[in-house]
């Protein structure tokens, strides 16, 4: 007997003119059945919720299978700390197949590097391309939802303009992947997204496959200036911290409700409702459960320590402090807690909390606790992203000048492997080794030279930029233009 026939039997509807009357002796049973039906639907919804979210917004980036390409006579900085001189890299089917000397060249397109330097594709962990695209107009400014101190419900990917001309300029600088963050107006700003530097009509077509989501948070001057200027909380650093703690208290309560519901028996679930969805709390619970990585804008040393205390109170992990101008003051604490610092090579002095910098900041973080520190050089700039190799070179020169023993093989990690680690994608990219994505850059000179340019850039084994072939990379309608600006626009 079907559920429908049971209902018809139990309802035993009687015609009273135009009115249908429910047999009252079955009303309680009918109520129970309705609860069971909707409880079952609710339980199924709860079970599949995360899968449905991932399915709706998952990466659709699937590169065409690349041919067999071998780069020969190259000086390779592997990203794992090693340098291999006069060696080869074999790429096939979007992956790095082999690295070393005397590799089989049969059936492969051979690119003679002629003693030039080769590195993994460059990864910028802090970019606003797409959410603050070019041209810089108010109508295009979509990076800060500066309407509340905590906005974990917003996602940067929902603001990304896929035709931003800045992507191509970054590609010319060797950038093969980049991490797009919301701005730093809020204590909790929203989710970030990691993208491959390829052209696509949709942001999902750019999204790095299986990269974890991130959460942008900000401490210090920015949130207290934005909201204090409106005569609202937070207006002080202690107000900042109270704001984080209140948000995490609410997130823990929501997590408990989800857990309590999940632990109920099937019968109990059928007689109750699952907790209502809350977009912001879903994101925060994702952090508490280790699925979403915290990327935190923070300048001052003692504030980084306070943020680690807050993370300890609520049992979540901060993956990276961004900008981190005073990271050198707490470099040992960061290393002990396995927290990365993403820094500029030499930006400073543009506001009070950016004054107490040292040129050796990146190098000191790198060398902390017997060289266990995780140092990253980032751009936070659509201009500097085009020459991130030079930014790393400045940081390396400052460290070497101060007497720290850092070579190029280690320093290249600041813009390759270390940002991959901080973004949770180091199993796929960030170093030149078999099995990883074939994201490779051939440089005209030593990549730490101001004279060096990216000559060839491969993404998943495909040549996406060739300095000798202007047609080697895709342009968008916006780059090319679809009308004569002086002509008839109708």
Protein backbone atom coordinates (compact mmCIF):
# COMPACT_ATOMS: atom_id res chain seq x y z
CA UNK A 1 0.00 0.00 0.00
CA UNK A 2 1.45 3.41 -0.96
CA UNK A 3 1.72 6.36 1.41
CA UNK A 4 -0.97 8.12 -0.60
CA UNK A 5 -3.46 5.23 -0.31
CA UNK A 6 -2.79 5.02 3.42
CA UNK A 7 -3.58 8.71 3.77
CA UNK A 8 -6.82 8.33 1.76
CA UNK A 9 -7.86 5.41 3.93
CA UNK A 10 -7.05 7.14 7.18
CA UNK A 11 -8.54 10.46 6.25
CA UNK A 12 -11.85 8.71 5.29
CA UNK A 13 -13.08 11.98 3.83
CA UNK A 14 -16.81 12.53 3.82
CA UNK A 15 -18.70 14.88 1.53
CA UNK A 16 -20.77 17.49 3.35
CA UNK A 17 -21.93 19.55 0.45
CA UNK A 18 -18.84 21.46 -0.75
CA UNK A 19 -16.83 20.68 2.40
CA UNK A 20 -14.50 17.71 3.01
CA UNK A 21 -14.46 16.57 6.65
CA UNK A 22 -11.52 14.71 8.23
CA UNK A 23 -12.48 11.66 10.23
CA UNK A 24 -11.53 12.94 13.72
CA UNK A 25 -10.59 9.57 15.18
CA UNK A 26 -7.56 9.46 12.82
CA UNK A 27 -6.37 13.05 13.27
CA UNK A 28 -3.54 12.25 15.71
CA UNK A 29 -2.24 9.50 13.45
CA UNK A 30 -2.38 11.82 10.45
CA UNK A 31 -0.40 14.42 12.39
CA UNK A 32 2.25 11.83 13.21
CA UNK A 33 2.52 10.76 9.58
CA UNK A 34 2.91 14.35 8.43
CA UNK A 35 5.65 14.89 11.00
CA UNK A 36 7.39 11.71 9.88
CA UNK A 37 7.18 12.76 6.24
CA UNK A 38 8.58 16.24 6.79
CA UNK A 39 11.04 15.05 9.41
CA UNK A 40 12.42 12.53 6.91
CA UNK A 41 12.74 15.20 4.25
CA UNK A 42 14.44 17.48 6.78
CA UNK A 43 16.86 14.73 7.82
CA UNK A 44 17.75 13.99 4.22
CA UNK A 45 18.28 17.70 3.62
CA UNK A 46 20.62 17.90 6.60
CA UNK A 47 22.61 14.86 5.48
CA UNK A 48 23.13 16.15 1.96
CA UNK A 49 23.47 19.85 2.71
CA UNK A 50 27.26 20.09 2.54
CA UNK A 51 27.38 17.93 -0.57
CA UNK A 52 24.75 20.09 -2.26
CA UNK A 53 26.66 23.28 -1.44
CA UNK A 54 29.89 21.82 -2.80
CA UNK A 55 28.09 20.59 -5.91
CA UNK A 56 26.47 23.94 -6.59
CA UNK A 57 29.70 25.91 -6.38
CA UNK A 58 32.35 23.33 -7.22
CA UNK A 59 35.14 24.03 -9.69
CA UNK A 60 34.29 23.30 -13.31
CA UNK A 61 37.89 23.84 -14.41
CA UNK A 62 38.95 20.81 -16.43
CA UNK A 63 41.88 21.56 -18.73
CA UNK A 64 42.16 19.83 -22.05
CA UNK A 65 44.74 17.07 -22.00
CA UNK A 66 48.14 18.55 -22.78
CA UNK A 67 50.67 17.00 -25.10
CA UNK A 68 54.13 15.74 -24.26
CA UNK A 69 56.52 18.64 -23.66
CA UNK A 70 60.10 18.52 -22.40
CA UNK A 71 62.12 21.53 -21.25
CA UNK A 72 65.85 20.82 -21.58
CA UNK A 73 69.11 22.47 -20.47
CA UNK A 74 67.40 24.28 -17.63
CA UNK A 75 68.61 25.49 -14.26
CA UNK A 76 65.72 24.43 -12.03
CA UNK A 77 64.64 25.87 -8.70
CA UNK A 78 62.31 23.06 -7.66
CA UNK A 79 60.40 24.84 -4.88
CA UNK A 80 61.42 22.07 -2.48
CA UNK A 81 64.61 23.88 -1.56
CA UNK A 82 66.76 22.26 -4.24
CA UNK A 83 68.54 23.60 -7.32
CA UNK A 84 69.20 21.27 -10.24
CA UNK A 85 71.51 22.64 -12.92
CA UNK A 86 71.44 21.63 -16.59
CA UNK A 87 68.43 19.36 -16.20
CA UNK A 88 65.10 18.63 -17.88
CA UNK A 89 61.40 18.67 -17.00
CA UNK A 90 58.96 16.35 -18.76
CA UNK A 91 55.28 17.33 -18.83
CA UNK A 92 52.42 15.19 -20.16
CA UNK A 93 48.66 15.04 -19.66
CA UNK A 94 48.66 18.22 -17.52
CA UNK A 95 51.16 16.82 -15.00
CA UNK A 96 54.87 16.92 -14.34
CA UNK A 97 56.07 13.43 -15.25
CA UNK A 98 59.79 13.54 -14.53
CA UNK A 99 62.57 15.91 -13.44
CA UNK A 100 66.28 15.21 -13.92
CA UNK A 101 68.95 14.54 -16.49
CA UNK A 102 68.90 12.37 -19.63
CA UNK A 103 65.11 12.15 -19.83
CA UNK A 104 63.47 10.40 -22.78
CA UNK A 105 62.59 13.00 -25.44
CA UNK A 106 60.79 10.69 -27.86
CA UNK A 107 57.44 11.98 -29.19
CA UNK A 108 57.83 15.19 -27.17
CA UNK A 109 57.90 18.83 -28.19
CA UNK A 110 61.36 19.97 -27.07
CA UNK A 111 61.93 23.45 -25.61
CA UNK A 112 65.60 24.24 -25.17
CA UNK A 113 65.92 26.52 -22.14
CA UNK A 114 69.55 27.26 -23.06
CA UNK A 115 70.73 27.49 -19.46
CA UNK A 116 67.88 29.73 -18.37
CA UNK A 117 66.15 29.40 -15.00
CA UNK A 118 62.92 27.51 -14.48
CA UNK A 119 60.65 27.70 -11.42
CA UNK A 120 57.24 26.48 -10.35
CA UNK A 121 54.39 28.79 -11.30
CA UNK A 122 54.17 31.78 -8.97
CA UNK A 123 51.29 31.84 -6.46
CA UNK A 124 50.04 35.09 -4.94
CA UNK A 125 48.27 34.39 -1.66
CA UNK A 126 46.83 37.92 -1.33
CA UNK A 127 45.07 39.38 -4.35
CA UNK A 128 41.96 41.45 -4.97
CA UNK A 129 41.92 40.99 -8.73
CA UNK A 130 38.40 40.40 -9.92
CA UNK A 131 36.74 41.98 -6.87
CA UNK A 132 38.63 45.26 -7.35
CA UNK A 133 39.14 44.98 -11.11
CA UNK A 134 40.39 47.44 -13.70
CA UNK A 135 39.14 49.97 -14.55
CA UNK A 136 38.87 51.02 -10.91
CA UNK A 137 35.33 52.38 -10.69
CA UNK A 138 32.79 52.59 -7.90
CA UNK A 139 30.51 50.33 -9.92
CA UNK A 140 33.30 47.70 -9.98
CA UNK A 141 34.30 48.01 -6.31
CA UNK A 142 32.94 44.76 -4.88
CA UNK A 143 35.53 43.61 -2.35
CA UNK A 144 34.22 44.98 0.97
CA UNK A 145 30.74 44.33 2.36
CA UNK A 146 31.37 47.11 4.87
CA UNK A 147 27.87 47.08 6.33
CA UNK A 148 28.49 45.11 9.53
CA UNK A 149 31.60 44.23 11.58
CA UNK A 150 31.02 40.55 10.85
CA UNK A 151 29.94 39.37 7.39
CA UNK A 152 31.05 35.73 7.15
CA UNK A 153 28.05 35.02 4.91
CA UNK A 154 29.55 36.73 1.84
CA UNK A 155 31.87 34.96 -0.63
CA UNK A 156 34.52 36.74 -2.72
CA UNK A 157 33.81 34.48 -5.69
CA UNK A 158 30.35 36.00 -6.03
CA UNK A 159 31.97 39.37 -6.78
CA UNK A 160 34.73 38.17 -9.15
CA UNK A 161 34.60 39.74 -12.61
CA UNK A 162 35.98 37.12 -14.94
CA UNK A 163 36.97 39.64 -17.62
CA UNK A 164 39.34 41.64 -15.40
CA UNK A 165 42.27 42.69 -17.68
CA UNK A 166 44.63 42.41 -14.69
CA UNK A 167 44.76 38.60 -14.99
CA UNK A 168 46.72 38.75 -18.23
CA UNK A 169 49.18 41.25 -16.81
CA UNK A 170 49.76 38.93 -13.83
CA UNK A 171 50.23 35.99 -16.20
CA UNK A 172 53.04 37.89 -17.89
CA UNK A 173 54.72 38.02 -14.48
CA UNK A 174 54.60 34.24 -14.05
CA UNK A 175 51.46 34.09 -11.86
CA UNK A 176 49.71 30.75 -12.44
CA UNK A 177 47.41 30.75 -9.37
CA UNK A 178 46.15 33.48 -7.06
CA UNK A 179 44.00 33.76 -3.97
CA UNK A 180 41.22 36.35 -4.02
CA UNK A 181 40.23 37.81 -0.66
CA UNK A 182 37.51 40.18 0.41
CA UNK A 183 38.75 43.47 1.83
CA UNK A 184 39.77 44.24 5.39
CA UNK A 185 37.04 46.62 6.57
CA UNK A 186 35.43 44.00 8.81
CA UNK A 187 36.47 41.86 11.75
CA UNK A 188 35.21 38.87 9.77
CA UNK A 189 34.92 39.74 6.11
CA UNK A 190 33.85 36.59 4.28
CA UNK A 191 35.14 33.66 2.27
CA UNK A 192 38.11 33.83 -0.09
CA UNK A 193 38.68 31.69 -3.17
CA UNK A 194 41.76 30.30 -4.95
CA UNK A 195 41.77 30.61 -8.75
CA UNK A 196 43.88 29.34 -11.61
CA UNK A 197 45.08 32.20 -13.81
CA UNK A 198 43.15 31.13 -16.87
CA UNK A 199 40.37 32.74 -18.84
CA UNK A 200 36.82 31.53 -18.31
CA UNK A 201 33.33 32.91 -18.73
CA UNK A 202 32.51 31.80 -15.17
CA UNK A 203 34.34 32.05 -11.87
CA UNK A 204 33.73 28.33 -11.33
CA UNK A 205 35.68 27.75 -14.53
CA UNK A 206 38.66 29.50 -12.91
CA UNK A 207 38.34 27.93 -9.48
CA UNK A 208 41.30 25.82 -8.37
CA UNK A 209 40.03 22.22 -8.14
CA UNK A 210 39.48 21.00 -4.58
CA UNK A 211 41.10 24.05 -2.97
CA UNK A 212 39.69 24.69 0.52
CA UNK A 213 37.68 27.81 1.14
CA UNK A 214 39.31 30.46 3.29
CA UNK A 215 37.95 33.01 5.76
CA UNK A 216 39.25 36.57 5.70
CA UNK A 217 39.52 38.23 9.11
CA UNK A 218 41.11 41.56 10.03
CA UNK A 219 42.48 43.03 13.22
CA UNK A 220 43.90 46.41 14.12
CA UNK A 221 43.16 49.79 12.65
CA UNK A 222 40.89 48.95 9.73
CA UNK A 223 37.74 47.62 11.44
CA UNK A 224 37.96 50.01 14.38
CA UNK A 225 38.40 52.96 12.01
CA UNK A 226 35.52 51.92 9.72
CA UNK A 227 32.99 51.25 12.48
CA UNK A 228 34.35 53.61 15.12
CA UNK A 229 33.98 56.34 12.52
CA UNK A 230 30.28 55.51 12.48
CA UNK A 231 30.10 55.76 16.29
CA UNK A 232 29.49 52.03 16.59
CA UNK A 233 31.40 49.05 17.96
CA UNK A 234 34.19 48.27 17.47
CA UNK A 235 36.01 51.53 17.96
CA UNK A 236 38.98 50.09 19.89
CA UNK A 237 41.19 47.04 19.69
CA UNK A 238 39.47 45.57 22.73
CA UNK A 239 36.19 46.09 20.88
CA UNK A 240 37.70 44.16 17.97
CA UNK A 241 38.51 41.19 20.18
CA UNK A 242 35.11 41.22 21.84
CA UNK A 243 33.55 41.16 18.37
CA UNK A 244 35.52 38.06 17.35
CA UNK A 245 34.70 36.27 20.59
CA UNK A 246 30.97 36.98 20.34
CA UNK A 247 30.95 35.65 16.78
CA UNK A 248 32.75 32.44 17.77
CA UNK A 249 30.44 31.93 20.78
CA UNK A 250 27.47 32.09 18.42
CA UNK A 251 29.21 29.74 15.99
CA UNK A 252 29.92 27.18 18.71
CA UNK A 253 26.26 27.26 19.77
CA UNK A 254 25.19 26.65 16.18
CA UNK A 255 27.73 23.84 15.88
CA UNK A 256 26.30 22.22 19.02
CA UNK A 257 22.79 22.39 17.58
CA UNK A 258 23.98 20.71 14.39
CA UNK A 259 25.85 18.05 16.34
CA UNK A 260 22.93 17.34 18.66
CA UNK A 261 20.62 16.91 15.70
CA UNK A 262 23.09 14.68 13.84
CA UNK A 263 23.45 12.43 16.89
CA UNK A 264 19.71 11.87 17.24
CA UNK A 265 18.24 8.53 16.28
CA UNK A 266 16.38 8.28 12.99
CA UNK A 267 13.10 8.12 14.88
CA UNK A 268 13.92 11.26 16.86
CA UNK A 269 14.93 13.09 13.68
CA UNK A 270 11.61 12.17 12.12
CA UNK A 271 9.77 13.90 14.96
CA UNK A 272 11.85 17.10 14.91
CA UNK A 273 13.28 19.72 12.62
CA UNK A 274 16.90 20.20 11.63
CA UNK A 275 18.49 23.55 12.57
CA UNK A 276 17.74 26.26 10.01
CA UNK A 277 20.57 27.17 7.67
CA UNK A 278 22.59 30.28 8.48
CA UNK A 279 25.11 31.26 5.80
CA UNK A 280 27.42 33.15 8.13
CA UNK A 281 27.43 30.53 10.87
CA UNK A 282 27.98 27.78 8.29
CA UNK A 283 31.23 29.50 7.34
CA UNK A 284 32.35 29.90 10.95
CA UNK A 285 31.51 26.27 11.74
CA UNK A 286 33.57 25.33 8.71
CA UNK A 287 36.54 27.02 10.42
CA UNK A 288 35.84 25.28 13.73
CA UNK A 289 35.76 21.94 11.93
CA UNK A 290 39.01 22.63 10.07
CA UNK A 291 37.49 22.76 6.59
CA UNK A 292 37.96 26.51 6.02
CA UNK A 293 41.38 28.16 6.46
CA UNK A 294 41.70 31.47 8.33
CA UNK A 295 43.68 34.16 6.50
CA UNK A 296 44.03 37.12 8.87
CA UNK A 297 45.03 40.71 8.11
CA UNK A 298 47.18 41.72 11.11
CA UNK A 299 50.14 44.11 11.42
CA UNK A 300 51.37 44.30 15.01
CA UNK A 301 53.26 41.58 16.81
CA UNK A 302 51.33 41.62 20.07
CA UNK A 303 48.02 41.56 18.18
CA UNK A 304 49.06 38.39 16.37
CA UNK A 305 49.68 36.84 19.78
CA UNK A 306 46.24 37.98 20.98
CA UNK A 307 44.62 36.48 17.88
CA UNK A 308 46.35 33.17 18.61
CA UNK A 309 44.90 33.36 22.13
CA UNK A 310 41.39 33.82 20.71
CA UNK A 311 41.97 30.89 18.35
CA UNK A 312 43.06 28.81 21.33
CA UNK A 313 39.93 29.74 23.30
CA UNK A 314 37.65 28.55 20.50
CA UNK A 315 39.87 25.73 19.24
CA UNK A 316 40.41 26.82 15.65
CA UNK A 317 43.59 27.45 13.68
CA UNK A 318 44.87 30.61 12.04
CA UNK A 319 46.66 29.54 8.88
CA UNK A 320 48.32 32.82 7.87
CA UNK A 321 48.75 36.37 9.12
CA UNK A 322 48.72 38.77 6.16
CA UNK A 323 50.81 41.95 5.84
CA UNK A 324 52.35 41.09 9.23
CA UNK A 325 54.78 44.00 9.28
CA UNK A 326 55.83 43.16 12.86
CA UNK A 327 55.99 39.39 12.32
CA UNK A 328 59.72 39.54 13.08
CA UNK A 329 58.85 40.36 16.71
CA UNK A 330 56.91 37.11 17.16
CA UNK A 331 58.58 34.93 14.51
CA UNK A 332 59.33 32.18 17.04
CA UNK A 333 55.70 32.13 18.26
CA UNK A 334 54.44 31.85 14.69
CA UNK A 335 56.82 28.98 13.93
CA UNK A 336 55.89 27.15 17.14
CA UNK A 337 52.21 27.38 16.17
CA UNK A 338 52.82 26.46 12.49
CA UNK A 339 51.38 29.77 11.34
CA UNK A 340 52.60 31.38 8.12
CA UNK A 341 53.20 35.10 7.61
CA UNK A 342 52.47 36.67 4.22
CA UNK A 343 54.43 39.91 3.95
CA UNK A 344 55.48 42.71 1.65
CA UNK A 345 59.16 43.05 0.93
CA UNK A 346 59.27 46.76 1.76
CA UNK A 347 55.87 48.41 2.11
CA UNK A 348 55.65 50.41 5.32
CA UNK A 349 54.74 53.74 6.91
CA UNK A 350 51.38 54.33 5.22
CA UNK A 351 49.57 54.20 8.59
CA UNK A 352 50.54 54.04 12.25
CA UNK A 353 50.50 50.26 12.63
CA UNK A 354 52.75 49.98 9.54
CA UNK A 355 55.65 52.04 10.91
CA UNK A 356 57.73 49.59 12.94
CA UNK A 357 59.04 47.53 10.04
CA UNK A 358 62.45 46.06 9.21
CA UNK A 359 63.67 45.08 5.76
CA UNK A 360 64.64 41.65 7.09
CA UNK A 361 61.09 40.78 8.17
CA UNK A 362 60.54 37.98 5.65
CA UNK A 363 63.96 36.47 6.20
CA UNK A 364 63.62 36.51 10.00
CA UNK A 365 60.27 34.69 9.80
CA UNK A 366 61.82 32.16 7.40
CA UNK A 367 64.72 31.40 9.73
CA UNK A 368 62.75 31.21 13.00
CA UNK A 369 62.97 28.14 15.24
CA UNK A 370 65.82 26.51 13.29
CA UNK A 371 64.39 27.39 9.88
CA UNK A 372 60.88 26.03 10.51
CA UNK A 373 59.19 29.35 9.81
CA UNK A 374 56.70 29.72 6.95
CA UNK A 375 57.45 32.97 5.13
CA UNK A 376 55.46 34.18 2.13
CA UNK A 377 55.86 37.25 -0.06
CA UNK A 378 52.50 38.60 -1.25
CA UNK A 379 51.41 41.50 -3.40
CA UNK A 380 48.02 42.94 -2.29
CA UNK A 381 48.50 44.92 -5.49
CA UNK A 382 47.53 44.47 -9.12
CA UNK A 383 50.85 46.14 -10.00
CA UNK A 384 53.23 44.27 -7.71
CA UNK A 385 51.66 40.93 -8.65
CA UNK A 386 53.23 41.47 -12.08
CA UNK A 387 56.72 41.32 -10.56
CA UNK A 388 56.33 39.20 -7.44
CA UNK A 389 59.69 37.58 -8.22
CA UNK A 390 61.35 40.98 -7.74
CA UNK A 391 59.55 41.48 -4.44
CA UNK A 392 60.95 38.14 -3.25
CA UNK A 393 64.39 39.21 -4.52
CA UNK A 394 64.29 42.34 -2.36
CA UNK A 395 63.36 40.28 0.71
CA UNK A 396 66.16 37.80 -0.05
CA UNK A 397 68.73 40.58 -0.48
CA UNK A 398 67.75 42.14 2.86
CA UNK A 399 68.12 38.80 4.63
CA UNK A 400 71.48 38.04 3.08
CA UNK A 401 72.75 41.55 3.84
CA UNK A 402 71.91 41.01 7.51
CA UNK A 403 73.98 37.84 7.56
CA UNK A 404 71.22 35.22 7.34
CA UNK A 405 72.14 32.15 5.31
CA UNK A 406 69.33 31.94 2.74
CA UNK A 407 69.85 30.77 -0.82
CA UNK A 408 67.66 31.08 -3.91
CA UNK A 409 66.42 27.51 -3.59
CA UNK A 410 64.81 28.37 -0.26
CA UNK A 411 63.70 31.90 -1.16
CA UNK A 412 61.73 30.73 -4.21
CA UNK A 413 59.47 28.90 -1.75
CA UNK A 414 58.21 32.28 -0.51
CA UNK A 415 56.23 32.67 -3.76
CA UNK A 416 55.62 29.02 -4.68
CA UNK A 417 55.45 26.20 -2.13
CA UNK A 418 54.75 28.22 1.03
CA UNK A 419 51.65 30.00 -0.33
CA UNK A 420 50.48 26.61 -1.64
CA UNK A 421 50.85 25.21 1.89
CA UNK A 422 48.93 28.14 3.38
CA UNK A 423 46.13 27.64 0.85
CA UNK A 424 45.92 23.88 1.36
CA UNK A 425 46.90 23.06 -2.23
CA UNK A 426 50.54 22.00 -1.80
CA UNK A 427 49.63 18.41 -2.69
CA UNK A 428 48.76 19.65 -6.18
CA UNK A 429 51.04 22.59 -6.90
CA UNK A 430 53.89 24.76 -5.62
CA UNK A 431 56.92 22.66 -6.53
CA UNK A 432 58.39 20.93 -9.55
CA UNK A 433 58.00 17.24 -8.84
CA UNK A 434 56.33 14.29 -10.57
CA UNK A 435 52.57 14.09 -10.15
CA UNK A 436 51.95 17.79 -9.56
CA UNK A 437 50.20 20.18 -11.93
CA UNK A 438 52.48 21.26 -14.75
CA UNK A 439 52.53 24.94 -13.75
CA UNK A 440 55.97 26.07 -14.89
CA UNK A 441 57.75 29.37 -15.66
CA UNK A 442 60.84 29.77 -17.85
CA UNK A 443 62.68 33.00 -16.99
CA UNK A 444 64.97 35.02 -19.25
CA UNK A 445 67.52 35.34 -16.43
CA UNK A 446 67.90 34.49 -12.77
CA UNK A 447 64.35 35.04 -11.41
CA UNK A 448 65.83 37.06 -8.55
CA UNK A 449 67.27 39.58 -11.00
CA UNK A 450 65.56 42.88 -11.75
CA UNK A 451 66.30 42.22 -15.41
CA UNK A 452 64.50 38.89 -15.53
CA UNK A 453 61.20 38.42 -17.36
CA UNK A 454 58.88 35.46 -17.60
CA UNK A 455 59.41 34.17 -21.13
CA UNK A 456 57.12 31.16 -21.13
CA UNK A 457 54.36 30.31 -18.66
CA UNK A 458 52.72 26.88 -18.59
CA UNK A 459 49.49 26.12 -16.74
CA UNK A 460 48.62 22.43 -16.54
CA UNK A 461 51.09 21.75 -19.32
CA UNK A 462 49.59 24.29 -21.72
CA UNK A 463 51.65 27.26 -22.88
CA UNK A 464 49.53 30.20 -21.73
CA UNK A 465 52.08 32.95 -22.29
CA UNK A 466 55.00 33.16 -24.68
CA UNK A 467 56.89 36.44 -24.73
CA UNK A 468 57.62 35.90 -28.43
CA UNK A 469 53.97 35.24 -29.34
CA UNK A 470 51.46 37.94 -28.33
CA UNK A 471 48.62 35.67 -29.47
CA UNK A 472 49.59 32.92 -27.01
CA UNK A 473 47.20 34.04 -24.28
CA UNK A 474 43.48 34.62 -24.37
CA UNK A 475 41.98 38.08 -24.22
CA UNK A 476 38.42 38.93 -23.26
CA UNK A 477 35.82 41.02 -25.04
CA UNK A 478 36.63 43.81 -22.61
CA UNK A 479 40.35 43.71 -23.55
CA UNK A 480 39.66 43.79 -27.25
CA UNK A 481 36.63 46.08 -27.36
CA UNK A 482 33.47 45.32 -29.28
CA UNK A 483 32.55 48.78 -30.54
CA UNK A 484 34.14 51.76 -32.20
CA UNK A 485 34.20 54.25 -29.29
CA UNK A 486 33.81 57.15 -31.72
CA UNK A 487 31.19 55.45 -33.86
CA UNK A 488 27.54 54.48 -33.70
CA UNK A 489 26.84 52.63 -30.43
CA UNK A 490 23.38 51.41 -31.42
